[in-house]
Amino acid sequence: MNYFEIKPDGQAYIRTDSGTVLRKVGNGEAVNHADFDKDETLFVITYNSGKSEVRDRKNNLIKIIAEEGVKEAFWRKYYIENEERKQSKSAPKEYILLIMKNGENRIIEY
């Protein structure tokens, strides 16, 4: 399992369990937080500016989630509670939980 290292100057790296650097991540801005999805193919990254993005393992930009106001972002799983989903017994969906600087939380399905 890999993990993120975020240096005090905001530089972020993906590292292996043994500590080997796989790559530097982000777009050059100071990074505040980063979190992998369940299979580590994507990650959500939040910058000190409040911008949040989804990127792949190779650091390619997939989607901008928010331009400003985000403190941290996390990948999560949940079951949708409605009759249609209960009948289909589908797998849990993933979503991104945004912790906003103003204290609110937002959920973005992914």
N, C-alpha and C. Protein backbone atom coordinates (compact mmCIF):
# COMPACT_ATOMS: atom_id res chain seq x y z
N MET A 1 0.85 -1.18 0.00
CA MET A 1 0.00 0.00 0.00
C MET A 1 0.89 1.24 0.00
N ASN A 2 0.56 2.21 -0.81
CA ASN A 2 1.32 3.45 -0.92
C ASN A 2 0.72 4.51 -0.01
N TYR A 3 1.48 5.57 0.20
CA TYR A 3 0.99 6.67 1.03
C TYR A 3 1.54 7.98 0.49
N PHE A 4 0.96 9.08 0.98
CA PHE A 4 1.40 10.41 0.58
C PHE A 4 2.30 10.99 1.66
N GLU A 5 3.35 11.65 1.22
CA GLU A 5 4.18 12.44 2.12
C GLU A 5 4.04 13.88 1.67
N ILE A 6 3.65 14.75 2.60
CA ILE A 6 3.54 16.18 2.28
C ILE A 6 4.56 16.91 3.14
N LYS A 7 5.51 17.53 2.49
CA LYS A 7 6.58 18.26 3.17
C LYS A 7 6.06 19.59 3.70
N PRO A 8 6.74 20.20 4.67
CA PRO A 8 6.32 21.50 5.21
C PRO A 8 6.21 22.60 4.16
N ASP A 9 7.00 22.50 3.08
CA ASP A 9 6.92 23.51 2.01
C ASP A 9 5.79 23.24 1.02
N GLY A 10 5.01 22.17 1.25
CA GLY A 10 3.86 21.88 0.39
C GLY A 10 4.14 20.93 -0.75
N GLN A 11 5.36 20.45 -0.89
CA GLN A 11 5.66 19.47 -1.93
C GLN A 11 5.11 18.12 -1.50
N ALA A 12 4.46 17.40 -2.42
CA ALA A 12 3.82 16.12 -2.09
C ALA A 12 4.38 15.01 -2.95
N TYR A 13 4.53 13.83 -2.34
CA TYR A 13 5.11 12.66 -3.01
C TYR A 13 4.29 11.43 -2.69
N ILE A 14 4.19 10.52 -3.66
CA ILE A 14 3.65 9.19 -3.38
C ILE A 14 4.85 8.31 -3.04
N ARG A 15 4.75 7.59 -1.92
CA ARG A 15 5.83 6.70 -1.47
C ARG A 15 5.28 5.29 -1.27
N THR A 16 6.17 4.31 -1.43
CA THR A 16 5.81 2.91 -1.15
C THR A 16 5.90 2.68 0.36
N ASP A 17 5.43 1.52 0.82
CA ASP A 17 5.53 1.17 2.23
C ASP A 17 6.96 1.24 2.74
N SER A 18 7.91 0.91 1.89
CA SER A 18 9.31 0.92 2.30
C SER A 18 9.93 2.32 2.26
N GLY A 19 9.16 3.31 1.78
CA GLY A 19 9.64 4.69 1.77
C GLY A 19 10.19 5.18 0.45
N THR A 20 10.24 4.33 -0.54
CA THR A 20 10.74 4.72 -1.85
C THR A 20 9.79 5.72 -2.51
N VAL A 21 10.35 6.79 -3.05
CA VAL A 21 9.53 7.80 -3.74
C VAL A 21 9.14 7.26 -5.11
N LEU A 22 7.83 7.22 -5.40
CA LEU A 22 7.35 6.82 -6.72
C LEU A 22 7.29 8.03 -7.65
N ARG A 23 6.74 9.13 -7.13
CA ARG A 23 6.67 10.34 -7.94
C ARG A 23 6.20 11.53 -7.10
N LYS A 24 6.54 12.69 -7.60
CA LYS A 24 6.04 13.94 -7.03
C LYS A 24 4.66 14.17 -7.62
N VAL A 25 3.72 14.68 -6.83
CA VAL A 25 2.36 14.90 -7.31
C VAL A 25 1.93 16.35 -7.11
N GLY A 26 0.86 16.71 -7.81
CA GLY A 26 0.31 18.06 -7.74
C GLY A 26 0.68 18.84 -8.98
N ASN A 27 0.29 20.10 -8.97
CA ASN A 27 0.55 20.94 -10.15
C ASN A 27 1.57 22.03 -9.86
N GLY A 28 2.32 21.87 -8.77
CA GLY A 28 3.33 22.87 -8.42
C GLY A 28 2.93 23.76 -7.27
N GLU A 29 1.63 23.83 -6.98
CA GLU A 29 1.17 24.61 -5.84
C GLU A 29 1.44 23.84 -4.54
N ALA A 30 1.43 24.56 -3.43
CA ALA A 30 1.62 23.92 -2.13
C ALA A 30 0.41 23.03 -1.81
N VAL A 31 0.68 21.77 -1.46
CA VAL A 31 -0.37 20.78 -1.19
C VAL A 31 -0.73 20.79 0.29
N ASN A 32 -2.03 20.74 0.58
CA ASN A 32 -2.52 20.67 1.95
C ASN A 32 -2.86 19.23 2.35
N HIS A 33 -3.47 18.46 1.41
CA HIS A 33 -3.94 17.12 1.74
C HIS A 33 -4.11 16.31 0.46
N ALA A 34 -3.95 14.97 0.58
CA ALA A 34 -4.18 14.07 -0.56
C ALA A 34 -4.68 12.73 -0.02
N ASP A 35 -5.55 12.05 -0.81
CA ASP A 35 -6.13 10.79 -0.36
C ASP A 35 -6.42 9.91 -1.58
N PHE A 36 -6.01 8.62 -1.51
CA PHE A 36 -6.26 7.66 -2.58
C PHE A 36 -7.69 7.15 -2.57
N ASP A 37 -8.17 6.69 -3.75
CA ASP A 37 -9.42 5.94 -3.80
C ASP A 37 -9.11 4.52 -3.33
N LYS A 38 -10.12 3.62 -3.34
CA LYS A 38 -9.96 2.29 -2.75
C LYS A 38 -8.89 1.43 -3.42
N ASP A 39 -8.69 1.56 -4.72
CA ASP A 39 -7.69 0.72 -5.40
C ASP A 39 -6.43 1.49 -5.80
N GLU A 40 -6.30 2.70 -5.30
CA GLU A 40 -5.11 3.54 -5.51
C GLU A 40 -4.83 3.87 -6.97
N THR A 41 -5.87 3.89 -7.80
CA THR A 41 -5.68 4.30 -9.20
C THR A 41 -5.90 5.80 -9.36
N LEU A 42 -6.67 6.38 -8.47
CA LEU A 42 -6.94 7.83 -8.49
C LEU A 42 -6.68 8.38 -7.09
N PHE A 43 -6.47 9.68 -7.04
CA PHE A 43 -6.41 10.34 -5.74
C PHE A 43 -7.00 11.74 -5.86
N VAL A 44 -7.46 12.22 -4.73
CA VAL A 44 -7.96 13.58 -4.65
C VAL A 44 -6.90 14.39 -3.90
N ILE A 45 -6.60 15.57 -4.42
CA ILE A 45 -5.55 16.40 -3.85
C ILE A 45 -6.12 17.80 -3.60
N THR A 46 -5.75 18.37 -2.46
CA THR A 46 -6.22 19.70 -2.07
C THR A 46 -5.00 20.59 -1.86
N TYR A 47 -5.05 21.78 -2.42
CA TYR A 47 -3.95 22.73 -2.31
C TYR A 47 -4.25 23.76 -1.23
N ASN A 48 -3.21 24.43 -0.74
CA ASN A 48 -3.39 25.46 0.29
C ASN A 48 -4.31 26.59 -0.19
N SER A 49 -4.39 26.79 -1.48
CA SER A 49 -5.26 27.82 -2.06
C SER A 49 -6.74 27.46 -1.93
N GLY A 50 -7.06 26.19 -1.59
CA GLY A 50 -8.44 25.75 -1.49
C GLY A 50 -8.94 25.01 -2.72
N LYS A 51 -8.11 24.91 -3.73
CA LYS A 51 -8.47 24.18 -4.96
C LYS A 51 -8.35 22.68 -4.69
N SER A 52 -9.23 21.88 -5.30
CA SER A 52 -9.20 20.43 -5.13
C SER A 52 -9.39 19.76 -6.48
N GLU A 53 -8.61 18.69 -6.73
CA GLU A 53 -8.61 18.00 -8.02
C GLU A 53 -8.56 16.49 -7.82
N VAL A 54 -9.01 15.78 -8.86
CA VAL A 54 -8.82 14.34 -8.94
C VAL A 54 -7.73 14.11 -9.97
N ARG A 55 -6.73 13.28 -9.60
CA ARG A 55 -5.62 12.96 -10.49
C ARG A 55 -5.42 11.45 -10.51
N ASP A 56 -4.78 10.95 -11.57
CA ASP A 56 -4.48 9.51 -11.62
C ASP A 56 -3.09 9.26 -11.03
N ARG A 57 -2.70 7.99 -10.95
CA ARG A 57 -1.42 7.61 -10.34
C ARG A 57 -0.21 8.26 -11.01
N LYS A 58 -0.37 8.60 -12.28
CA LYS A 58 0.73 9.23 -13.01
C LYS A 58 0.70 10.75 -12.89
N ASN A 59 -0.18 11.27 -12.04
CA ASN A 59 -0.32 12.69 -11.75
C ASN A 59 -1.02 13.46 -12.87
N ASN A 60 -1.72 12.77 -13.78
CA ASN A 60 -2.49 13.46 -14.81
C ASN A 60 -3.79 13.98 -14.21
N LEU A 61 -4.14 15.21 -14.55
CA LEU A 61 -5.38 15.81 -14.07
C LEU A 61 -6.57 15.11 -14.71
N ILE A 62 -7.51 14.64 -13.87
CA ILE A 62 -8.73 14.00 -14.35
C ILE A 62 -9.90 14.98 -14.28
N LYS A 63 -10.03 15.65 -13.13
CA LYS A 63 -11.16 16.55 -12.94
C LYS A 63 -10.87 17.56 -11.84
N ILE A 64 -11.27 18.81 -12.06
CA ILE A 64 -11.19 19.82 -11.00
C ILE A 64 -12.50 19.73 -10.21
N ILE A 65 -12.39 19.49 -8.91
CA ILE A 65 -13.57 19.34 -8.04
C ILE A 65 -14.06 20.70 -7.56
N ALA A 66 -13.14 21.56 -7.14
CA ALA A 66 -13.48 22.89 -6.64
C ALA A 66 -12.32 23.84 -6.92
N GLU A 67 -12.64 25.07 -7.23
CA GLU A 67 -11.61 26.08 -7.51
C GLU A 67 -11.10 26.75 -6.24
N GLU A 68 -11.93 26.74 -5.17
CA GLU A 68 -11.52 27.41 -3.92
C GLU A 68 -12.37 26.92 -2.76
N GLY A 69 -11.91 27.21 -1.55
CA GLY A 69 -12.71 26.97 -0.35
C GLY A 69 -12.59 25.60 0.29
N VAL A 70 -11.79 24.68 -0.27
CA VAL A 70 -11.68 23.33 0.29
C VAL A 70 -10.49 23.26 1.24
N LYS A 71 -10.73 22.68 2.41
CA LYS A 71 -9.66 22.47 3.39
C LYS A 71 -9.02 21.09 3.19
N GLU A 72 -9.85 20.04 3.09
CA GLU A 72 -9.40 18.67 2.87
C GLU A 72 -10.44 17.93 2.06
N ALA A 73 -10.02 16.86 1.39
CA ALA A 73 -10.94 16.02 0.63
C ALA A 73 -10.56 14.56 0.85
N PHE A 74 -11.57 13.70 0.98
CA PHE A 74 -11.37 12.28 1.27
C PHE A 74 -12.24 11.42 0.36
N TRP A 75 -11.71 10.25 -0.09
CA TRP A 75 -12.51 9.25 -0.81
C TRP A 75 -13.28 8.45 0.23
N ARG A 76 -14.54 8.15 -0.04
CA ARG A 76 -15.36 7.35 0.86
C ARG A 76 -16.27 6.44 0.04
N LYS A 77 -16.84 5.41 0.71
CA LYS A 77 -17.84 4.52 0.10
C LYS A 77 -19.13 4.63 0.90
N TYR A 78 -20.25 4.43 0.22
CA TYR A 78 -21.53 4.41 0.93
C TYR A 78 -22.57 3.66 0.10
N TYR A 79 -23.61 3.22 0.78
CA TYR A 79 -24.74 2.58 0.11
C TYR A 79 -25.85 3.61 -0.03
N ILE A 80 -26.40 3.71 -1.23
CA ILE A 80 -27.51 4.63 -1.46
C ILE A 80 -28.76 3.99 -0.87
N GLU A 81 -29.45 4.74 -0.05
CA GLU A 81 -30.63 4.22 0.65
C GLU A 81 -31.91 4.56 -0.11
N ASN A 82 -32.18 3.84 -1.17
CA ASN A 82 -33.48 3.99 -1.82
C ASN A 82 -33.94 2.62 -2.30
N GLU A 83 -35.21 2.50 -2.58
CA GLU A 83 -35.79 1.20 -2.93
C GLU A 83 -35.17 0.60 -4.18
N GLU A 84 -34.90 1.43 -5.17
CA GLU A 84 -34.34 0.92 -6.42
C GLU A 84 -32.98 0.26 -6.17
N ARG A 85 -32.13 0.88 -5.39
CA ARG A 85 -30.81 0.32 -5.08
C ARG A 85 -30.94 -0.94 -4.22
N LYS A 86 -31.87 -0.92 -3.27
CA LYS A 86 -32.06 -2.09 -2.41
C LYS A 86 -32.48 -3.31 -3.23
N GLN A 87 -33.33 -3.08 -4.21
CA GLN A 87 -33.80 -4.18 -5.04
C GLN A 87 -32.70 -4.70 -5.96
N SER A 88 -31.85 -3.80 -6.46
CA SER A 88 -30.81 -4.23 -7.39
C SER A 88 -29.59 -4.79 -6.66
N LYS A 89 -29.49 -4.53 -5.37
CA LYS A 89 -28.37 -5.00 -4.55
C LYS A 89 -27.02 -4.63 -5.19
N SER A 90 -26.95 -3.40 -5.67
CA SER A 90 -25.72 -2.96 -6.32
C SER A 90 -24.61 -2.70 -5.30
N ALA A 91 -23.41 -2.68 -5.80
CA ALA A 91 -22.25 -2.44 -4.95
C ALA A 91 -22.28 -1.01 -4.41
N PRO A 92 -21.54 -0.77 -3.35
CA PRO A 92 -21.50 0.59 -2.81
C PRO A 92 -20.90 1.57 -3.81
N LYS A 93 -21.36 2.79 -3.77
CA LYS A 93 -20.85 3.85 -4.61
C LYS A 93 -19.71 4.54 -3.89
N GLU A 94 -18.86 5.20 -4.64
CA GLU A 94 -17.82 6.00 -4.04
C GLU A 94 -18.22 7.46 -4.12
N TYR A 95 -17.72 8.23 -3.18
CA TYR A 95 -17.93 9.66 -3.23
C TYR A 95 -16.71 10.35 -2.64
N ILE A 96 -16.62 11.64 -2.89
CA ILE A 96 -15.55 12.45 -2.32
C ILE A 96 -16.19 13.39 -1.32
N LEU A 97 -15.68 13.34 -0.10
CA LEU A 97 -16.14 14.21 0.97
C LEU A 97 -15.22 15.42 1.02
N LEU A 98 -15.80 16.60 0.82
CA LEU A 98 -15.03 17.84 0.88
C LEU A 98 -15.28 18.51 2.23
N ILE A 99 -14.23 18.76 2.97
CA ILE A 99 -14.29 19.53 4.20
C ILE A 99 -13.93 20.95 3.81
N MET A 100 -14.89 21.84 3.91
CA MET A 100 -14.71 23.21 3.44
C MET A 100 -14.08 24.09 4.53
N LYS A 101 -13.41 25.15 4.11
CA LYS A 101 -12.77 26.08 5.05
C LYS A 101 -13.80 26.80 5.91
N ASN A 102 -15.03 26.94 5.43
CA ASN A 102 -16.08 27.63 6.19
C ASN A 102 -16.79 26.69 7.16
N GLY A 103 -16.32 25.43 7.29
CA GLY A 103 -16.90 24.49 8.25
C GLY A 103 -17.97 23.58 7.67
N GLU A 104 -18.41 23.81 6.46
CA GLU A 104 -19.41 22.94 5.83
C GLU A 104 -18.74 21.69 5.27
N ASN A 105 -19.55 20.67 5.03
CA ASN A 105 -19.10 19.48 4.32
C ASN A 105 -19.92 19.35 3.05
N ARG A 106 -19.29 18.91 1.99
CA ARG A 106 -19.98 18.67 0.72
C ARG A 106 -19.64 17.27 0.25
N ILE A 107 -20.57 16.65 -0.45
CA ILE A 107 -20.37 15.32 -0.99
C ILE A 107 -20.50 15.38 -2.51
N ILE A 108 -19.52 14.76 -3.19
CA ILE A 108 -19.54 14.68 -4.64
C ILE A 108 -19.46 13.23 -5.02
N GLU A 109 -20.50 12.70 -5.71
CA GLU A 109 -20.48 11.30 -6.15
C GLU A 109 -19.44 11.15 -7.24
N TYR A 110 -18.78 10.00 -7.21
CA TYR A 110 -17.76 9.76 -8.23
C TYR A 110 -17.90 8.36 -8.77
